[in-house]
Amino acid sequence: MRPSGGDPGSAEQPPPIVVENLTKRFGQFLAVDHVSFSVRRGEVYGWLGPNGAGKTTTIRMLLGLLKPSEGSCRVLGYDPATQAKAMQARVGYMSQLFTLYNDLTAAENIRFYGQAYGLSSRELRRRQEEILQMAGLQGRENALTRDLSGGWKQRLALGCAIVHRPQVVFLDEPTAGVDPISRREFWSLIYAMAGDGVTVLVTTHYMDEAELCQRVGFISQGRLLALDTPEQLKRTQMRGQVLEVDCSPTDAAMRVLLAAREGAPKEGAQMPFEEVALYGARIHVVVPEASATMQPLRALLESQGIMVQAVRWIAPTLEDVFISVVRPR
């Protein structure tokens, strides 16, 4: 269950994050292309895109680490380009690289970051206990960070990023390379923060994580292509309908379907397949109209000696929708 979040931008309480036509160029390369969005208080906002899409560059501008080429942004009312130092005490950041000191213990890392943020000794002692409990590291506080598992390091890194109780937290692909159980536990911590009113912007390329966000922005080649709740994106952004094909062998079926999409002579006339992708042991085929394509698709596969158990229409996954949105029109 996702946290409820607040209302976007009322006059009494403007959104903690506001981005308007934000643009970043590196020479001739356009890394972020006139992006606009806002994030409400207590919202978990997902920034979904492949590597190199512009996700990290956007976060670095919101943190004041890069200056925009054009456009503007505000974080808690601050302009990161000119007021980054004043903003830092109210913002947390966890990078892809888990910026922990491996030769320090878990407790020493917490104390280091707490002191860097100017916490008093009394408050730091309180926060250290809270973070150790949150991270599941009670009893391991004196273990060297290098000896902790990936999941524990991840939760410790989050604890260090929020040791000063920030109002906005930026998480840049925080679960990359972490096992599924640890990822799920980490998201429970994200929900807890949002429930306390913390605004969270998290970048990811995991579709299952994007499903957990209240709203998701699709970014590709620096451009924001779609933005809405996962459910609404599935209803409004999908081009075509999705057929799920249960057949054997799937590798041979993929070759036949891909060849038919391209109209390869061996497979006969081109079929109206807009996308063909493997999802586990089954195949998703995006077509203009499911009912008109189910039987021809089955017949095509069976003509090539492939055993077809079922061809059925299904609701699109968020991955189906993302591929549909980023595919050239």
Protein backbone atom coordinates (compact mmCIF):
# COMPACT_ATOMS: atom_id res chain seq x y z
CA MET A 1 0.00 0.00 0.00
CA ARG A 2 1.41 3.37 -1.00
CA PRO A 3 1.52 6.31 1.40
CA SER A 4 -1.31 8.74 0.84
CA GLY A 5 0.75 11.91 0.32
CA GLY A 6 -0.55 15.45 0.49
CA ASP A 7 -2.37 17.72 -1.90
CA PRO A 8 -0.23 19.24 -4.62
CA GLY A 9 0.68 22.86 -4.25
CA SER A 10 -2.00 24.74 -2.33
CA ALA A 11 -1.55 28.44 -1.60
CA GLU A 12 -0.84 27.63 2.04
CA GLN A 13 1.70 24.92 1.32
CA PRO A 14 3.53 25.08 -2.03
CA PRO A 15 5.09 21.88 -3.35
CA PRO A 16 8.51 21.14 -1.79
CA ILE A 17 9.95 20.48 -5.26
CA VAL A 18 9.08 22.65 -8.26
CA VAL A 19 10.87 22.26 -11.61
CA GLU A 20 10.20 24.53 -14.60
CA ASN A 21 11.77 23.98 -18.01
CA LEU A 22 14.90 22.60 -16.40
CA THR A 23 17.61 22.07 -18.99
CA LYS A 24 21.23 20.93 -18.89
CA ARG A 25 23.66 20.90 -21.79
CA PHE A 26 27.16 19.49 -21.81
CA GLY A 27 28.59 21.02 -24.96
CA GLN A 28 26.32 19.85 -27.79
CA PHE A 29 24.82 17.06 -25.68
CA LEU A 30 21.38 17.82 -24.22
CA ALA A 31 21.25 15.77 -21.00
CA VAL A 32 18.01 17.23 -19.60
CA ASP A 33 15.58 18.79 -22.05
CA HIS A 34 13.15 21.44 -20.68
CA VAL A 35 11.68 19.27 -17.93
CA SER A 36 8.83 20.53 -15.72
CA PHE A 37 7.16 18.85 -12.75
CA SER A 38 6.40 19.31 -9.06
CA VAL A 39 6.37 16.94 -6.10
CA ARG A 40 3.94 17.35 -3.20
CA ARG A 41 4.68 17.03 0.49
CA GLY A 42 4.86 13.41 1.68
CA GLU A 43 4.82 12.03 -1.85
CA VAL A 44 6.97 9.21 -3.18
CA TYR A 45 7.75 10.36 -6.72
CA GLY A 46 9.49 7.96 -9.08
CA TRP A 47 11.88 9.07 -11.83
CA LEU A 48 11.97 6.11 -14.21
CA GLY A 49 14.29 5.71 -17.15
CA PRO A 50 17.23 3.77 -18.58
CA ASN A 51 20.85 4.53 -17.80
CA GLY A 52 21.83 7.84 -19.41
CA ALA A 53 18.25 9.14 -19.52
CA GLY A 54 19.00 12.22 -17.40
CA LYS A 55 17.79 11.04 -13.99
CA THR A 56 21.00 11.67 -12.05
CA THR A 57 21.67 14.96 -13.85
CA THR A 58 18.24 16.19 -12.75
CA ILE A 59 18.94 15.28 -9.13
CA ARG A 60 22.35 16.95 -9.24
CA MET A 61 20.71 20.19 -10.38
CA LEU A 62 18.09 19.91 -7.62
CA LEU A 63 20.91 19.52 -5.10
CA GLY A 64 22.86 22.48 -6.45
CA LEU A 65 25.75 20.30 -7.60
CA LEU A 66 25.17 21.35 -11.22
CA LYS A 67 23.84 24.67 -12.52
CA PRO A 68 21.04 24.51 -15.09
CA SER A 69 21.71 25.70 -18.62
CA GLU A 70 18.12 26.97 -18.75
CA GLY A 71 15.01 26.90 -16.61
CA SER A 72 14.74 26.86 -12.85
CA CYS A 73 13.96 24.71 -9.84
CA ARG A 74 13.02 25.25 -6.22
CA VAL A 75 13.50 22.86 -3.31
CA LEU A 76 11.67 23.94 -0.15
CA GLY A 77 11.60 27.43 -1.61
CA TYR A 78 15.37 27.57 -2.16
CA ASP A 79 17.08 28.03 -5.50
CA PRO A 80 19.70 25.24 -5.48
CA ALA A 81 21.87 27.11 -7.98
CA THR A 82 22.43 29.99 -5.53
CA GLN A 83 21.24 28.76 -2.12
CA ALA A 84 22.55 25.19 -1.95
CA LYS A 85 24.37 25.72 1.35
CA ALA A 86 21.29 27.10 3.11
CA MET A 87 19.21 24.24 1.68
CA GLN A 88 21.51 21.40 2.78
CA ALA A 89 20.29 21.23 6.37
CA ARG A 90 16.77 20.40 5.16
CA VAL A 91 17.60 17.97 2.35
CA GLY A 92 18.97 14.42 2.33
CA TYR A 93 20.72 12.62 -0.51
CA MET A 94 21.64 9.00 -1.05
CA SER A 95 23.66 8.33 -4.19
CA GLN A 96 24.02 5.15 -6.23
CA LEU A 97 27.42 4.52 -4.65
CA PHE A 98 26.44 4.20 -0.95
CA THR A 99 28.73 6.96 0.29
CA LEU A 100 29.80 5.18 3.48
CA TYR A 101 33.28 4.86 4.95
CA ASN A 102 34.14 1.17 4.89
CA ASP A 103 36.89 1.49 7.51
CA LEU A 104 34.44 2.95 10.03
CA THR A 105 31.88 1.00 12.01
CA ALA A 106 28.15 1.42 11.43
CA ALA A 107 27.88 3.64 14.53
CA GLU A 108 30.92 5.69 13.51
CA ASN A 109 29.41 6.38 10.09
CA ILE A 110 26.22 7.64 11.72
CA ARG A 111 28.17 9.86 14.10
CA PHE A 112 30.33 11.21 11.27
CA TYR A 113 27.32 12.28 9.20
CA GLY A 114 25.47 13.59 12.25
CA GLN A 115 28.41 15.79 13.20
CA ALA A 116 28.75 16.97 9.59
CA TYR A 117 25.11 18.11 9.74
CA GLY A 118 25.73 19.90 13.05
CA LEU A 119 23.65 17.73 15.38
CA SER A 120 24.20 18.22 19.09
CA SER A 121 25.74 15.35 21.06
CA ARG A 122 22.43 14.64 22.74
CA GLU A 123 20.43 14.63 19.51
CA LEU A 124 23.09 12.55 17.76
CA ARG A 125 22.94 9.86 20.45
CA ARG A 126 19.18 9.71 20.04
CA ARG A 127 19.37 9.58 16.25
CA GLN A 128 22.08 6.92 16.33
CA GLU A 129 19.84 4.57 18.29
CA GLU A 130 16.88 5.30 16.03
CA ILE A 131 18.88 4.67 12.87
CA LEU A 132 20.45 1.47 14.17
CA GLN A 133 16.97 0.22 14.99
CA MET A 134 15.58 1.32 11.61
CA ALA A 135 18.44 -0.38 9.75
CA GLY A 136 18.20 -3.58 11.77
CA LEU A 137 21.78 -3.10 12.94
CA GLN A 138 21.32 -3.25 16.69
CA GLY A 139 24.02 -5.59 17.92
CA ARG A 140 26.10 -4.87 14.82
CA GLU A 141 26.81 -1.21 15.46
CA ASN A 142 30.51 -1.97 16.05
CA ALA A 143 30.92 -4.04 12.88
CA LEU A 144 33.07 -2.49 10.18
CA THR A 145 30.92 -1.25 7.34
CA ARG A 146 32.94 -3.24 4.82
CA ASP A 147 31.77 -6.44 6.53
CA LEU A 148 28.06 -5.64 6.28
CA SER A 149 25.83 -7.22 3.65
CA GLY A 150 24.54 -5.13 0.75
CA GLY A 151 21.09 -4.80 2.30
CA TRP A 152 22.46 -3.59 5.65
CA LYS A 153 24.80 -1.14 3.93
CA GLN A 154 21.87 0.19 1.95
CA ARG A 155 19.75 0.81 5.06
CA LEU A 156 22.74 2.30 6.89
CA ALA A 157 23.37 4.66 3.98
CA LEU A 158 19.74 5.77 4.10
CA GLY A 159 20.04 6.32 7.84
CA CYS A 160 23.12 8.49 7.35
CA ALA A 161 21.30 10.47 4.63
CA ILE A 162 18.39 11.26 6.98
CA VAL A 163 20.28 11.57 10.27
CA HIS A 164 19.42 15.31 10.36
CA ARG A 165 15.66 14.70 9.74
CA PRO A 166 15.41 16.31 6.29
CA GLN A 167 12.10 17.38 4.79
CA VAL A 168 13.07 16.27 1.26
CA VAL A 169 15.12 13.17 0.39
CA PHE A 170 16.66 12.36 -2.99
CA LEU A 171 17.44 8.69 -3.60
CA ASP A 172 19.42 8.01 -6.76
CA GLU A 173 18.96 4.34 -7.77
CA PRO A 174 19.43 3.35 -4.11
CA THR A 175 18.65 -0.35 -4.59
CA ALA A 176 20.93 -1.09 -7.55
CA GLY A 177 22.64 -4.43 -7.03
CA VAL A 178 20.67 -5.30 -3.87
CA ASP A 179 18.74 -8.55 -3.47
CA PRO A 180 14.90 -8.49 -3.79
CA ILE A 181 14.20 -9.04 -0.09
CA SER A 182 16.47 -6.15 0.91
CA ARG A 183 14.88 -3.99 -1.76
CA ARG A 184 11.42 -4.68 -0.32
CA GLU A 185 12.61 -3.88 3.20
CA PHE A 186 14.18 -0.66 1.93
CA TRP A 187 10.88 0.42 0.37
CA SER A 188 9.15 -0.13 3.70
CA LEU A 189 11.52 2.50 5.10
CA ILE A 190 10.64 4.85 2.24
CA TYR A 191 6.94 4.48 3.03
CA ALA A 192 7.62 5.19 6.70
CA MET A 193 9.42 8.43 5.79
CA ALA A 194 6.62 9.54 3.49
CA GLY A 195 4.10 8.74 6.20
CA ASP A 196 5.94 11.24 8.41
CA GLY A 197 5.55 13.93 5.73
CA VAL A 198 8.98 13.59 4.11
CA THR A 199 8.99 14.18 0.35
CA VAL A 200 10.90 11.47 -1.52
CA LEU A 201 12.18 11.63 -5.10
CA VAL A 202 13.63 8.27 -6.10
CA THR A 203 15.23 7.34 -9.41
CA THR A 204 15.05 3.76 -10.59
CA HIS A 205 15.15 1.54 -13.62
CA TYR A 206 13.28 -1.27 -11.84
CA MET A 207 9.68 -1.47 -13.06
CA ASP A 208 8.45 -3.18 -9.89
CA GLU A 209 9.81 -0.27 -7.83
CA ALA A 210 8.13 2.27 -10.11
CA GLU A 211 4.82 0.49 -9.44
CA LEU A 212 5.28 1.32 -5.76
CA CYS A 213 5.51 5.09 -6.32
CA GLN A 214 2.51 7.38 -6.02
CA ARG A 215 3.42 9.11 -9.28
CA VAL A 216 5.99 8.20 -11.90
CA GLY A 217 7.75 10.33 -14.48
CA PHE A 218 9.03 8.55 -17.60
CA ILE A 219 12.29 10.12 -18.77
CA SER A 220 14.21 9.13 -21.88
CA GLN A 221 17.02 10.98 -23.66
CA GLY A 222 16.56 13.87 -21.25
CA ARG A 223 12.86 14.40 -21.98
CA LEU A 224 9.94 13.89 -19.61
CA LEU A 225 7.56 11.83 -21.76
CA ALA A 226 4.75 11.05 -19.32
CA LEU A 227 3.86 11.71 -15.70
CA ASP A 228 1.02 10.25 -13.63
CA THR A 229 0.11 7.50 -11.20
CA PRO A 230 1.10 4.00 -12.36
CA GLU A 231 -2.58 3.07 -12.78
CA GLN A 232 -3.38 6.18 -14.82
CA LEU A 233 -0.30 5.72 -17.01
CA LYS A 234 -1.53 2.22 -17.88
CA ARG A 235 -4.96 3.59 -18.78
CA THR A 236 -3.86 6.57 -20.84
CA GLN A 237 -0.37 6.02 -22.27
CA MET A 238 -0.48 2.52 -23.73
CA ARG A 239 -0.53 2.41 -27.52
CA GLY A 240 -2.24 -0.80 -28.56
CA GLN A 241 -3.27 -3.86 -26.56
CA VAL A 242 -1.15 -6.60 -25.02
CA LEU A 243 -1.42 -10.27 -25.86
CA GLU A 244 0.28 -12.76 -23.56
CA VAL A 245 1.49 -15.86 -25.36
CA ASP A 246 2.11 -19.09 -23.43
CA CYS A 247 3.98 -21.41 -25.76
CA SER A 248 6.97 -23.75 -26.13
CA PRO A 249 9.76 -23.39 -27.03
CA THR A 250 9.76 -19.68 -26.31
CA ASP A 251 13.10 -18.93 -27.97
CA ALA A 252 11.85 -20.28 -31.29
CA ALA A 253 8.56 -18.42 -30.85
CA MET A 254 10.40 -15.16 -30.27
CA ARG A 255 12.35 -15.63 -33.51
CA VAL A 256 9.13 -16.28 -35.46
CA LEU A 257 7.26 -13.32 -33.97
CA LEU A 258 10.16 -10.90 -34.42
CA ALA A 259 10.60 -12.02 -38.03
CA ALA A 260 6.86 -11.61 -38.65
CA ARG A 261 6.92 -8.12 -37.17
CA GLU A 262 9.62 -7.17 -39.69
CA GLY A 263 7.85 -8.98 -42.53
CA ALA A 264 10.66 -11.48 -43.14
CA PRO A 265 9.89 -13.47 -46.32
CA LYS A 266 10.29 -16.82 -44.54
CA GLU A 267 7.37 -16.04 -42.24
CA GLY A 268 5.05 -14.54 -44.87
CA ALA A 269 3.29 -11.18 -44.69
CA GLN A 270 4.18 -8.66 -42.03
CA MET A 271 2.04 -8.99 -38.90
CA PRO A 272 0.74 -5.95 -36.96
CA PHE A 273 3.06 -6.46 -34.00
CA GLU A 274 4.17 -3.17 -32.51
CA GLU A 275 6.35 -4.78 -29.85
CA VAL A 276 7.47 -8.32 -29.00
CA ALA A 277 9.16 -8.95 -25.65
CA LEU A 278 9.91 -11.87 -23.36
CA TYR A 279 8.45 -11.71 -19.82
CA GLY A 280 9.73 -14.68 -17.86
CA ALA A 281 8.50 -17.83 -19.60
CA ARG A 282 5.86 -15.97 -21.61
CA ILE A 283 5.83 -13.48 -24.46
CA HIS A 284 4.05 -10.13 -24.61
CA VAL A 285 2.99 -8.94 -28.06
CA VAL A 286 1.59 -5.43 -28.48
CA VAL A 287 -1.00 -5.23 -31.26
CA PRO A 288 -3.51 -2.61 -32.46
CA GLU A 289 -6.51 -4.84 -31.67
CA ALA A 290 -6.23 -7.98 -29.55
CA SER A 291 -9.39 -9.75 -30.71
CA ALA A 292 -8.44 -9.49 -34.40
CA THR A 293 -4.90 -10.75 -33.87
CA MET A 294 -5.21 -13.66 -31.44
CA GLN A 295 -6.10 -16.35 -33.98
CA PRO A 296 -3.65 -15.28 -36.73
CA LEU A 297 -0.88 -15.13 -34.12
CA ARG A 298 -1.67 -18.64 -32.88
CA ALA A 299 -1.86 -19.96 -36.43
CA LEU A 300 1.50 -18.40 -37.29
CA LEU A 301 3.25 -20.06 -34.36
CA GLU A 302 1.62 -23.45 -34.89
CA SER A 303 2.57 -23.37 -38.58
CA GLN A 304 6.20 -23.22 -37.41
CA GLY A 305 5.83 -26.27 -35.14
CA ILE A 306 5.49 -24.29 -31.90
CA MET A 307 3.09 -25.63 -29.27
CA VAL A 308 0.72 -22.88 -28.13
CA GLN A 309 -1.00 -23.34 -24.77
CA ALA A 310 -2.79 -19.97 -24.73
CA VAL A 311 -2.99 -16.57 -26.32
CA ARG A 312 -4.89 -14.11 -24.14
CA TRP A 313 -5.45 -10.36 -23.80
CA ILE A 314 -4.01 -8.91 -20.57
CA ALA A 315 -3.82 -5.51 -18.97
CA PRO A 316 -0.46 -3.86 -19.72
CA THR A 317 2.34 -3.84 -17.18
CA LEU A 318 4.13 -0.59 -16.43
CA GLU A 319 7.04 -1.94 -18.48
CA ASP A 320 4.72 -2.42 -21.46
CA VAL A 321 3.59 1.17 -21.06
CA PHE A 322 7.13 2.53 -20.71
CA ILE A 323 8.24 0.76 -23.89
CA SER A 324 5.14 2.09 -25.66
CA VAL A 325 5.85 5.66 -24.56
CA VAL A 326 9.56 5.70 -25.44
CA ARG A 327 9.13 3.90 -28.77
CA PRO A 328 9.30 6.36 -31.69
CA ARG A 329 5.83 7.22 -33.00
